[in-house]
């Protein structure tokens, strides 16, 4: 049932819509941690600084990867940097995180991952033993994803000028589907998530040892290329996908709403969240919707094929707990609405900053 907003609610919605359509402008004089959060500050920085300077048809969609053709070959290209703290955490480390993250950006863009680059920024004094462990993890992750690390770079900075080890990766893949994109979402479509959310972000937070919270959690970091491949092969009605990293599922839902100029209606009771994640998030005062994942995808699919998509996801080990969490509607365009377990409805907006910095 569609709820018609009251005059007062409509005024609020109109103001939000007007604010969102203003030209992006960075108001801060210096970079803050919030600019790397994946939320409003990040979005503003990207649009006002980088997109404004580098604007071109390949960059403008701001997708997880750029899609283009070279001598008749359809390719996708992506890049990412990893500054996670701590470097080693339950379920993984910065090395396999870097490989999986780049593979996933290619996969959700409709590409078969092929080749990666690896750039290391190392701090003077970083233990060689730790570097060997990280590189071994990258080798194992690349092998599992069927990709090769074919070129790279190494830089060393003075002690105290970094935080041990940072990694930059780029990835090239062969496009399987060229028509994918969350901007193609339309009313009647369904929104699915491939599994429980928030595990990576909460795991990283607890691994920092700053809080006296015990939870049996590990990061969900994993390559999703085979999951995506199975889904695309079986369900032609997939419109677009995103992997829910910085800013979590909430940020992806907002990207869908904004890119397609549609409303996204989500039912809180259908969102899969592990008890341990929900409990830790409540103690931290964080909504799991905004907590990063590293092995989960959000899928927009034709509503008539939602059940088929769910079956395909659940048939894969990484999608065993997949769920349909919402739908796409016409109004109010550009907004995400959450039907809460208490029976009310609230707007799910982008956060300005990130309660969990440096989680990837």
Foldseek 3Di string as FASTA:
>chain_A
DDDDDDPVVVVVLVVVVVVVPDQQDDPDPDDDLQCVQLFDNVVSCCRVPVCVVPPDPQPVLVAQWGWDDDPRFIKTKHKDKAQFPPQDFFPGGRQLLQQQQQLQSQQLQQFQWEEKEKEKEFEPPQDPVVVVVSVVSNVVNCVVSVYYHDYYYYHYDYHPPGDGMMMMMMTMGGHPDNQADLLPFDFQKFKKKQAAFQQLLLRSVVRVVPDPDDDPGGAPAHHCNVLSVLLVVFAVFWRGKDAQFRQAQLSVLLSSLQSNQWEKEFEPVFHHHDPRRVVSCVVVVHDRRRHGHNLMMMIIGRNVCVVVSLVSSCVDPSRVHMTTTTGIHHPPGSWYWYCYPVRDIDTRHTDSGHPRGNSD
